[in-house]
């Protein structure tokens, strides 16, 4: 675990660092946001950033997003400054740690980050076979290609292999090839020199150099432009890279793991992926099974996510009723583990009483499976099905009861447009959440930005939109 401390932490840097070091972390510290960004972009890297709330956390998070740096951030500050703590969380920090630092809390945060990145939760024999093979190949330096459907946990498995390898104490660096535009991906991978192109105001170390000594994950490798694949092949074969605008090659020592949710052999046959690169990456192939092919894992994963999101939302951990579990175990899980995780996140917020019952489980596409009525065409929201948001109990963190909106019968949707049904679901869910945009977006399974854009469009069209909840009015 590499921890980067940004700021002075009210003079508690030494204590916080010593606590982290005693828990096995490698700690470095800088005084300013600019220095923190320089450390992250310069190849020093970090698995976790701890930032002083006296600095502009929002500016730091925006800069990280602009530069596609995905390291998790926790904020720290004196415990009598709740407004700054709330602002830091809203800006994107994962956690707030009051100062002076508590050893148990810092240890818990470090452990949570580590477990979230590397824990493989399973019970099914099918998954056990995959993990057995992963354990066998982990100690080597050979390239690994992990294939499987979206949402099966390919990056988690890649991190697991890294921790079990001889490079486990070194850096693990991930780059999502599908999320970065083609014209930026070369610089992201290989770095660039100052002035190499417009906007290159400083030298930046690429992901290959950042991962030197450790493991580089090329996530969704199939989405990489074929013109860049030749340079990637050379980097893997020769173990050296050329920065954009550079004049001297840079030696690197890395292990490469790649993932893909596509059939790479078909991509090769269609001349969308280089055959020589495919064979270079595919020394070992791990096929990660879909969740529906490992049914015994649904229960243990559901319980794990239920506990995780109860803790994240400050709610008591509650068992899942057998009726609810039967619904989960009988679902097709087209979105795999990611879909199950989102389902349990919503269920934790919707559940009332001493357990998570069937009414709190909102399953994508359930209405179609039960043949209750024709479902609306695809839209930006999950299809209606099971317990709709407007009919479920209010999230337990809300002190006032939700207004009775009344869920519409599925047959009432026939003859209505998708946009009309979507709008009604959004408004009903927002009323149910007493105007809280964040909780409504979570229940609906969309981003807060998407929700706000839709609400803005409704308001501009003259429709009445529920006002924001008290805690969000400053943000809307």
Protein backbone atom coordinates (compact mmCIF):
# COMPACT_ATOMS: atom_id res chain seq x y z
CA UNK A 1 0.00 0.00 0.00
CA UNK A 2 1.46 3.37 -1.09
CA UNK A 3 0.06 6.35 0.83
CA UNK A 4 0.58 9.94 -0.33
CA UNK A 5 -0.17 12.64 2.26
CA UNK A 6 -1.01 16.05 0.77
CA UNK A 7 -0.85 18.98 3.22
CA UNK A 8 0.32 19.53 6.77
CA UNK A 9 -2.62 17.75 8.49
CA UNK A 10 -2.68 20.29 11.31
CA UNK A 11 0.83 19.23 12.34
CA UNK A 12 -0.18 15.58 12.67
CA UNK A 13 1.75 14.37 9.59
CA UNK A 14 4.34 12.48 11.58
CA UNK A 15 1.76 10.65 13.67
CA UNK A 16 -0.44 9.75 10.69
CA UNK A 17 2.57 8.57 8.70
CA UNK A 18 3.91 6.47 11.55
CA UNK A 19 0.54 4.81 12.02
CA UNK A 20 0.32 4.00 8.32
CA UNK A 21 3.90 2.72 8.21
CA UNK A 22 3.21 0.47 11.21
CA UNK A 23 0.35 -1.03 9.17
CA UNK A 24 2.71 -1.82 6.29
CA UNK A 25 2.18 1.26 4.10
CA UNK A 26 4.89 3.13 2.19
CA UNK A 27 4.34 6.80 3.01
CA UNK A 28 5.36 10.00 1.22
CA UNK A 29 4.27 13.58 1.93
CA UNK A 30 4.00 16.88 0.04
CA UNK A 31 2.79 20.28 1.21
CA UNK A 32 0.57 21.47 -1.65
CA UNK A 33 -1.98 20.35 -4.23
CA UNK A 34 0.44 21.19 -7.04
CA UNK A 35 3.14 19.04 -5.44
CA UNK A 36 0.65 16.22 -4.93
CA UNK A 37 -0.38 16.27 -8.58
CA UNK A 38 3.27 16.41 -9.59
CA UNK A 39 3.98 13.30 -7.52
CA UNK A 40 1.04 11.44 -9.04
CA UNK A 41 1.79 12.41 -12.63
CA UNK A 42 5.55 12.00 -12.21
CA UNK A 43 5.48 8.25 -11.68
CA UNK A 44 5.65 8.18 -7.88
CA UNK A 45 2.04 7.04 -7.78
CA UNK A 46 -0.10 6.07 -4.80
CA UNK A 47 -2.76 3.56 -3.85
CA UNK A 48 -4.39 6.10 -1.53
CA UNK A 49 -4.16 9.88 -1.08
CA UNK A 50 -4.79 11.52 2.29
CA UNK A 51 -5.45 15.28 1.88
CA UNK A 52 -5.78 18.10 4.44
CA UNK A 53 -9.22 19.75 4.23
CA UNK A 54 -7.52 23.12 4.65
CA UNK A 55 -6.51 22.68 1.02
CA UNK A 56 -9.03 22.85 -1.81
CA UNK A 57 -10.16 19.24 -2.00
CA UNK A 58 -12.56 20.10 -4.83
CA UNK A 59 -9.74 21.59 -6.92
CA UNK A 60 -7.57 18.56 -6.26
CA UNK A 61 -10.34 16.14 -7.25
CA UNK A 62 -11.11 18.12 -10.43
CA UNK A 63 -7.45 18.13 -11.42
CA UNK A 64 -7.19 14.38 -10.83
CA UNK A 65 -10.27 13.80 -12.99
CA UNK A 66 -8.95 16.07 -15.76
CA UNK A 67 -5.68 14.15 -15.80
CA UNK A 68 -7.44 10.78 -15.53
CA UNK A 69 -5.78 9.91 -12.19
CA UNK A 70 -8.11 7.46 -10.42
CA UNK A 71 -6.44 7.08 -7.02
CA UNK A 72 -8.94 7.03 -4.10
CA UNK A 73 -8.80 10.05 -1.78
CA UNK A 74 -9.62 10.45 1.92
CA UNK A 75 -9.82 13.84 3.60
CA UNK A 76 -8.44 14.69 7.05
CA UNK A 77 -8.94 17.64 9.35
CA UNK A 78 -9.76 18.81 12.84
CA UNK A 79 -12.96 17.23 14.08
CA UNK A 80 -14.69 20.56 14.84
CA UNK A 81 -14.95 21.57 11.16
CA UNK A 82 -17.99 19.61 9.91
CA UNK A 83 -18.71 21.93 6.96
CA UNK A 84 -15.27 21.34 5.46
CA UNK A 85 -15.67 17.60 6.00
CA UNK A 86 -19.03 17.55 4.20
CA UNK A 87 -17.61 19.64 1.35
CA UNK A 88 -14.71 17.22 0.95
CA UNK A 89 -17.04 14.22 0.72
CA UNK A 90 -19.24 16.02 -1.80
CA UNK A 91 -16.14 16.85 -3.83
CA UNK A 92 -15.40 13.15 -4.19
CA UNK A 93 -13.36 12.07 -1.17
CA UNK A 94 -14.22 8.51 -0.14
CA UNK A 95 -13.90 9.09 3.61
CA UNK A 96 -13.23 11.74 6.26
CA UNK A 97 -10.76 11.07 9.08
CA UNK A 98 -10.82 13.51 12.03
CA UNK A 99 -7.54 14.68 13.55
CA UNK A 100 -5.63 13.93 15.66
CA UNK A 101 -5.46 10.60 13.82
CA UNK A 102 -6.91 7.51 15.42
CA UNK A 103 -4.75 4.43 14.76
CA UNK A 104 -7.73 2.08 14.46
CA UNK A 105 -9.50 4.35 11.96
CA UNK A 106 -6.44 4.80 9.76
CA UNK A 107 -5.81 1.06 9.87
CA UNK A 108 -9.44 0.41 8.93
CA UNK A 109 -9.29 2.81 5.97
CA UNK A 110 -6.05 1.26 4.68
CA UNK A 111 -7.48 -2.22 5.04
CA UNK A 112 -10.77 -1.24 3.37
CA UNK A 113 -8.98 0.24 0.35
CA UNK A 114 -6.74 -2.81 0.07
CA UNK A 115 -9.61 -5.29 0.41
CA UNK A 116 -11.83 -3.40 -2.02
CA UNK A 117 -9.13 -3.61 -4.66
CA UNK A 118 -7.97 -7.20 -4.16
CA UNK A 119 -10.66 -9.27 -2.43
CA UNK A 120 -12.23 -12.01 -4.53
CA UNK A 121 -15.50 -13.11 -2.87
CA UNK A 122 -16.57 -16.58 -3.95
CA UNK A 123 -17.97 -19.94 -2.89
CA UNK A 124 -18.96 -21.58 -6.17
CA UNK A 125 -16.72 -24.45 -7.40
CA UNK A 126 -16.58 -22.87 -10.88
CA UNK A 127 -14.98 -19.74 -9.45
CA UNK A 128 -12.76 -21.85 -7.20
CA UNK A 129 -11.28 -23.45 -10.32
CA UNK A 130 -10.52 -20.03 -11.80
CA UNK A 131 -8.83 -18.89 -8.59
CA UNK A 132 -6.78 -22.09 -8.42
CA UNK A 133 -5.37 -21.38 -11.88
CA UNK A 134 -4.78 -17.72 -10.96
CA UNK A 135 -2.77 -18.81 -7.93
CA UNK A 136 -0.68 -21.15 -10.08
CA UNK A 137 0.32 -18.52 -12.63
CA UNK A 138 0.60 -15.53 -10.26
CA UNK A 139 4.25 -16.10 -9.18
CA UNK A 140 5.54 -15.95 -12.77
CA UNK A 141 6.28 -12.81 -14.79
CA UNK A 142 4.34 -14.07 -17.82
CA UNK A 143 1.67 -11.89 -19.41
CA UNK A 144 -1.92 -12.77 -18.57
CA UNK A 145 -5.07 -12.12 -20.61
CA UNK A 146 -8.25 -12.10 -18.52
CA UNK A 147 -11.45 -12.43 -20.54
CA UNK A 148 -15.08 -12.32 -19.49
CA UNK A 149 -18.29 -10.35 -19.74
CA UNK A 150 -18.56 -6.80 -18.45
CA UNK A 151 -19.06 -6.66 -14.71
CA UNK A 152 -17.53 -10.04 -13.86
CA UNK A 153 -14.61 -8.52 -11.91
CA UNK A 154 -11.68 -8.72 -14.32
CA UNK A 155 -9.77 -5.84 -12.71
CA UNK A 156 -10.28 -7.32 -9.23
CA UNK A 157 -8.82 -10.61 -10.47
CA UNK A 158 -5.89 -8.74 -12.03
CA UNK A 159 -5.13 -7.04 -8.71
CA UNK A 160 -5.44 -10.40 -6.97
CA UNK A 161 -2.83 -11.91 -9.30
CA UNK A 162 -0.54 -8.94 -8.65
CA UNK A 163 -0.76 -9.34 -4.85
CA UNK A 164 0.07 -13.04 -5.15
CA UNK A 165 3.07 -12.39 -7.41
CA UNK A 166 6.68 -11.62 -6.49
CA UNK A 167 5.85 -8.03 -7.46
CA UNK A 168 3.06 -7.86 -4.90
CA UNK A 169 4.82 -5.24 -2.78
CA UNK A 170 5.44 -3.04 -5.83
CA UNK A 171 3.11 -0.79 -7.81
CA UNK A 172 -0.07 -1.89 -9.56
CA UNK A 173 -1.04 0.61 -12.26
CA UNK A 174 -4.24 0.40 -14.28
CA UNK A 175 -5.23 2.20 -17.48
CA UNK A 176 -8.66 1.83 -19.09
CA UNK A 177 -8.02 1.77 -22.83
CA UNK A 178 -11.72 2.24 -23.59
CA UNK A 179 -12.12 5.38 -21.45
CA UNK A 180 -9.33 7.46 -23.00
CA UNK A 181 -9.61 9.02 -26.49
CA UNK A 182 -7.23 7.56 -29.06
CA UNK A 183 -5.33 10.83 -29.46
CA UNK A 184 -4.55 10.88 -25.71
CA UNK A 185 -3.92 7.19 -25.07
CA UNK A 186 -0.37 7.18 -26.45
CA UNK A 187 0.65 9.96 -24.07
CA UNK A 188 -1.21 8.24 -21.22
CA UNK A 189 0.70 5.01 -21.77
CA UNK A 190 4.15 6.25 -22.71
CA UNK A 191 4.25 9.77 -21.29
CA UNK A 192 5.35 12.96 -23.01
CA UNK A 193 8.00 15.63 -22.86
CA UNK A 194 7.26 19.29 -22.22
CA UNK A 195 6.18 20.97 -25.44
CA UNK A 196 5.61 17.67 -27.28
CA UNK A 197 2.16 18.91 -28.32
CA UNK A 198 -0.25 21.74 -27.56
CA UNK A 199 -1.14 21.60 -23.88
CA UNK A 200 1.96 19.62 -22.84
CA UNK A 201 3.04 22.26 -20.31
CA UNK A 202 5.21 19.85 -18.32
CA UNK A 203 6.81 16.46 -18.72
CA UNK A 204 4.53 13.63 -17.69
CA UNK A 205 5.53 10.06 -16.96
CA UNK A 206 3.27 7.50 -18.61
CA UNK A 207 1.69 4.41 -17.11
CA UNK A 208 4.50 2.13 -18.30
CA UNK A 209 7.10 4.13 -16.39
CA UNK A 210 4.82 4.55 -13.38
CA UNK A 211 4.43 0.77 -13.16
CA UNK A 212 8.19 0.15 -13.35
CA UNK A 213 9.03 -2.72 -11.02
CA UNK A 214 5.39 -3.69 -10.66
CA UNK A 215 2.36 -4.65 -12.76
CA UNK A 216 0.58 -2.74 -15.53
CA UNK A 217 -3.06 -3.55 -16.25
CA UNK A 218 -4.30 -2.72 -19.74
CA UNK A 219 -8.04 -2.79 -19.14
CA UNK A 220 -10.29 -3.41 -22.17
CA UNK A 221 -7.30 -3.80 -24.48
CA UNK A 222 -9.56 -4.66 -27.42
CA UNK A 223 -10.65 -1.01 -27.63
CA UNK A 224 -7.15 0.24 -28.45
CA UNK A 225 -6.67 1.70 -31.94
CA UNK A 226 -4.74 -0.74 -34.11
CA UNK A 227 -2.23 2.00 -35.04
CA UNK A 228 -1.11 2.24 -31.41
CA UNK A 229 -0.88 -1.52 -31.00
CA UNK A 230 2.47 -1.64 -32.85
CA UNK A 231 4.09 0.70 -30.32
CA UNK A 232 2.53 -1.29 -27.48
CA UNK A 233 3.92 -4.53 -28.90
CA UNK A 234 7.42 -3.05 -29.06
CA UNK A 235 7.17 -1.84 -25.47
CA UNK A 236 6.17 -5.30 -24.23
CA UNK A 237 8.78 -7.13 -26.32
CA UNK A 238 11.74 -4.82 -25.83
CA UNK A 239 10.86 -3.63 -22.31
CA UNK A 240 11.51 -0.04 -23.31
CA UNK A 241 9.30 2.86 -24.32
CA UNK A 242 9.61 6.19 -26.09
CA UNK A 243 7.90 9.20 -24.57
CA UNK A 244 5.95 11.37 -27.01
CA UNK A 245 8.42 14.04 -28.08
CA UNK A 246 11.30 12.20 -26.44
CA UNK A 247 14.69 11.45 -27.99
CA UNK A 248 15.93 8.62 -25.76
CA UNK A 249 14.24 5.25 -25.06
CA UNK A 250 13.38 4.51 -21.43
CA UNK A 251 13.95 1.02 -19.98
CA UNK A 252 11.09 -0.51 -17.99
CA UNK A 253 10.62 -3.62 -15.85
CA UNK A 254 6.95 -4.57 -15.68
CA UNK A 255 4.52 -7.44 -15.84
CA UNK A 256 1.58 -6.90 -18.19
CA UNK A 257 -1.97 -8.07 -17.52
CA UNK A 258 -4.67 -7.28 -20.07
CA UNK A 259 -8.44 -7.69 -19.96
CA UNK A 260 -11.13 -7.81 -22.61
CA UNK A 261 -14.87 -8.42 -22.71
CA UNK A 262 -14.69 -9.16 -26.44
CA UNK A 263 -13.62 -12.17 -28.51
CA UNK A 264 -10.05 -11.15 -29.35
CA UNK A 265 -9.56 -14.03 -31.77
CA UNK A 266 -12.48 -12.70 -33.81
CA UNK A 267 -10.95 -9.22 -33.61
CA UNK A 268 -7.71 -10.69 -34.98
CA UNK A 269 -9.57 -12.41 -37.84
CA UNK A 270 -11.36 -9.14 -38.63
CA UNK A 271 -7.99 -7.35 -38.62
CA UNK A 272 -9.03 -5.09 -35.74
CA UNK A 273 -6.35 -6.46 -33.44
CA UNK A 274 -2.75 -7.42 -34.21
CA UNK A 275 -2.16 -11.16 -34.14
CA UNK A 276 1.40 -10.81 -32.83
CA UNK A 277 0.19 -8.59 -29.96
CA UNK A 278 -2.58 -11.08 -29.16
CA UNK A 279 -0.11 -13.94 -28.80
CA UNK A 280 2.27 -11.75 -26.79
CA UNK A 281 -0.50 -10.95 -24.29
CA UNK A 282 -2.15 -14.38 -24.28
CA UNK A 283 0.64 -16.38 -22.63
CA UNK A 284 -1.91 -17.38 -20.00
CA UNK A 285 -5.64 -16.94 -20.52
CA UNK A 286 -8.00 -16.75 -17.56
CA UNK A 287 -11.67 -16.88 -18.49
CA UNK A 288 -13.73 -15.29 -15.74
CA UNK A 289 -17.16 -16.97 -15.61
CA UNK A 290 -20.37 -14.97 -15.71
CA UNK A 291 -22.24 -14.67 -12.40
CA UNK A 292 -25.09 -16.83 -13.72
CA UNK A 293 -22.51 -19.62 -14.27
CA UNK A 294 -21.46 -19.47 -10.61
CA UNK A 295 -24.85 -19.46 -8.80
CA UNK A 296 -23.44 -20.33 -5.38
CA UNK A 297 -21.66 -16.98 -5.35
CA UNK A 298 -24.85 -14.90 -5.48
CA UNK A 299 -25.58 -15.37 -1.79
CA UNK A 300 -22.09 -14.58 -0.48
CA UNK A 301 -21.71 -11.59 -2.79
CA UNK A 302 -25.14 -10.21 -1.87
CA UNK A 303 -24.33 -10.45 1.82
CA UNK A 304 -20.93 -8.84 1.25
CA UNK A 305 -22.41 -5.87 -0.66
CA UNK A 306 -25.23 -5.55 1.84
CA UNK A 307 -22.74 -5.14 4.69
CA UNK A 308 -20.51 -2.85 2.61
CA UNK A 309 -23.24 -0.34 1.72
CA UNK A 310 -24.84 -0.44 5.15
CA UNK A 311 -21.51 0.68 6.61
CA UNK A 312 -20.97 3.25 3.84
CA UNK A 313 -24.37 4.85 4.54
CA UNK A 314 -24.16 4.69 8.33
CA UNK A 315 -26.92 2.08 8.55
CA UNK A 316 -27.15 -1.09 10.62
CA UNK A 317 -26.16 -4.30 8.87
CA UNK A 318 -29.30 -6.36 8.23
CA UNK A 319 -29.74 -9.93 7.02
CA UNK A 320 -31.32 -10.67 3.64
CA UNK A 321 -34.65 -12.49 3.94
CA UNK A 322 -34.96 -15.87 2.25
CA UNK A 323 -37.69 -14.50 -0.03
CA UNK A 324 -35.36 -11.72 -1.16
CA UNK A 325 -32.49 -14.16 -1.56
CA UNK A 326 -34.59 -16.44 -3.77
CA UNK A 327 -35.29 -13.49 -6.06
CA UNK A 328 -31.60 -12.69 -6.24
CA UNK A 329 -30.62 -16.30 -6.89
CA UNK A 330 -33.26 -16.66 -9.60
CA UNK A 331 -32.22 -13.56 -11.56
CA UNK A 332 -30.29 -13.81 -14.86
CA UNK A 333 -27.66 -11.15 -13.92
CA UNK A 334 -26.91 -9.84 -17.37
CA UNK A 335 -24.72 -7.19 -15.71
CA UNK A 336 -22.96 -9.80 -13.55
CA UNK A 337 -21.33 -8.83 -10.23
CA UNK A 338 -21.57 -5.10 -11.00
CA UNK A 339 -25.35 -5.40 -11.45
CA UNK A 340 -25.66 -7.36 -8.20
CA UNK A 341 -23.63 -4.73 -6.37
CA UNK A 342 -25.89 -1.92 -7.65
CA UNK A 343 -28.98 -3.95 -6.73
CA UNK A 344 -27.77 -4.42 -3.16
CA UNK A 345 -26.81 -0.75 -2.87
CA UNK A 346 -30.38 0.21 -3.75
CA UNK A 347 -31.78 -2.50 -1.46
CA UNK A 348 -29.82 -1.21 1.54
CA UNK A 349 -31.27 2.29 0.99
CA UNK A 350 -34.82 1.06 0.42
CA UNK A 351 -35.11 -1.61 3.10
CA UNK A 352 -37.25 -1.03 6.18
CA UNK A 353 -37.44 -3.19 9.28
CA UNK A 354 -34.95 -5.67 10.67
CA UNK A 355 -34.05 -7.33 7.37
CA UNK A 356 -33.73 -6.66 3.65
CA UNK A 357 -36.91 -8.14 2.24
CA UNK A 358 -38.18 -8.75 -1.29
CA UNK A 359 -39.79 -5.34 -1.59
CA UNK A 360 -36.37 -3.68 -1.41
CA UNK A 361 -34.97 -5.73 -4.31
CA UNK A 362 -35.31 -3.91 -7.64
CA UNK A 363 -34.24 -6.22 -10.46
CA UNK A 364 -33.54 -4.99 -13.96
CA UNK A 365 -35.86 -6.56 -16.53
CA UNK A 366 -37.98 -8.42 -13.96
CA UNK A 367 -41.28 -7.25 -15.47
CA UNK A 368 -40.42 -8.86 -18.80
CA UNK A 369 -39.41 -12.12 -17.14
CA UNK A 370 -42.77 -12.34 -15.36
CA UNK A 371 -44.72 -11.52 -18.55
CA UNK A 372 -46.79 -8.93 -16.73
CA UNK A 373 -46.86 -6.47 -19.61
CA UNK A 374 -44.82 -5.29 -22.58
CA UNK A 375 -41.84 -3.35 -21.30
CA UNK A 376 -40.98 0.09 -22.62
CA UNK A 377 -38.17 0.37 -25.13
CA UNK A 378 -34.63 0.87 -23.93
CA UNK A 379 -33.94 4.19 -22.29
CA UNK A 380 -31.35 5.67 -20.01
CA UNK A 381 -33.05 4.07 -17.00
CA UNK A 382 -33.41 0.43 -15.99
CA UNK A 383 -36.73 -1.19 -17.08
CA UNK A 384 -39.50 -1.08 -14.53
CA UNK A 385 -39.96 -4.25 -12.57
CA UNK A 386 -40.42 -5.70 -9.09
CA UNK A 387 -40.90 -3.10 -6.40
CA UNK A 388 -40.79 0.32 -8.04
CA UNK A 389 -39.02 3.13 -6.27
CA UNK A 390 -42.25 4.98 -5.59
CA UNK A 391 -43.87 2.02 -3.89
CA UNK A 392 -40.98 1.01 -1.66
CA UNK A 393 -40.42 2.14 1.90
CA UNK A 394 -38.39 5.33 2.38
CA UNK A 395 -34.67 4.96 2.92
CA UNK A 396 -34.02 4.56 6.66
CA UNK A 397 -31.79 7.63 6.88
CA UNK A 398 -34.78 9.91 6.21
CA UNK A 399 -36.73 11.12 9.22
CA UNK A 400 -39.95 12.09 7.42
CA UNK A 401 -42.24 9.59 5.73
CA UNK A 402 -42.30 9.66 1.94
CA UNK A 403 -45.48 10.97 0.32
CA UNK A 404 -47.88 8.39 -1.02
CA UNK A 405 -47.25 8.55 -4.75
CA UNK A 406 -48.79 5.24 -5.65
CA UNK A 407 -47.04 2.90 -8.10
CA UNK A 408 -48.71 2.57 -11.43
CA UNK A 409 -49.77 -0.83 -12.68
CA UNK A 410 -47.52 -2.08 -15.47
CA UNK A 411 -50.44 -2.21 -17.90
CA UNK A 412 -50.90 1.54 -17.49
CA UNK A 413 -47.64 2.05 -19.37
CA UNK A 414 -49.07 0.69 -22.62
CA UNK A 415 -49.65 3.49 -25.11
CA UNK A 416 -47.31 5.91 -23.33
CA UNK A 417 -43.96 7.04 -24.68
CA UNK A 418 -40.68 5.92 -23.15
CA UNK A 419 -39.88 9.53 -22.27
CA UNK A 420 -43.22 9.89 -20.45
CA UNK A 421 -42.73 6.70 -18.41
CA UNK A 422 -39.15 7.67 -17.62
CA UNK A 423 -40.18 11.14 -16.50
CA UNK A 424 -42.88 9.77 -14.22
CA UNK A 425 -40.47 7.27 -12.64
CA UNK A 426 -37.90 10.00 -12.00
CA UNK A 427 -40.43 12.37 -10.43
CA UNK A 428 -41.97 9.61 -8.29
CA UNK A 429 -38.57 8.45 -7.08
CA UNK A 430 -37.52 12.02 -6.26
CA UNK A 431 -40.71 12.60 -4.26
CA UNK A 432 -40.09 9.31 -2.47
CA UNK A 433 -36.60 10.56 -1.52
CA UNK A 434 -37.97 13.89 -0.28
CA UNK A 435 -36.11 15.75 -3.01
CA UNK A 436 -32.70 14.22 -2.26
CA UNK A 437 -31.02 14.04 -5.68
CA UNK A 438 -28.18 11.79 -4.53
CA UNK A 439 -30.41 9.07 -3.09
CA UNK A 440 -32.79 9.27 -6.07
CA UNK A 441 -29.94 8.82 -8.55
CA UNK A 442 -28.69 5.80 -6.58
CA UNK A 443 -32.11 4.15 -6.59
CA UNK A 444 -32.61 4.86 -10.29
CA UNK A 445 -29.18 3.53 -11.18
CA UNK A 446 -28.05 6.70 -13.00
CA UNK A 447 -25.42 9.32 -12.29
CA UNK A 448 -26.27 12.48 -10.35
CA UNK A 449 -25.26 14.51 -13.41
CA UNK A 450 -27.74 12.63 -15.63
CA UNK A 451 -30.50 13.15 -13.06
CA UNK A 452 -29.82 16.88 -12.76
CA UNK A 453 -29.74 17.32 -16.54
CA UNK A 454 -33.11 15.61 -16.87
CA UNK A 455 -34.63 17.68 -14.05
CA UNK A 456 -33.33 20.85 -15.69
CA UNK A 457 -34.97 19.84 -18.96
CA UNK A 458 -38.27 19.13 -17.17
CA UNK A 459 -38.19 22.52 -15.45
CA UNK A 460 -37.44 24.32 -18.70
CA UNK A 461 -40.43 22.53 -20.25
CA UNK A 462 -42.65 24.00 -17.53
CA UNK A 463 -43.04 20.83 -15.44
CA UNK A 464 -43.00 20.98 -11.65
CA UNK A 465 -39.93 19.33 -10.15
CA UNK A 466 -39.71 18.46 -6.42
CA UNK A 467 -37.34 20.89 -4.65
CA UNK A 468 -33.97 19.68 -3.45
CA UNK A 469 -33.69 18.20 0.04
CA UNK A 470 -32.32 20.39 2.81
CA UNK A 471 -28.83 18.86 2.67
CA UNK A 472 -28.49 19.46 -1.06
CA UNK A 473 -29.93 22.91 -1.57
CA UNK A 474 -26.53 24.53 -1.51
CA UNK A 475 -25.46 22.34 -4.42
CA UNK A 476 -28.42 22.73 -6.75
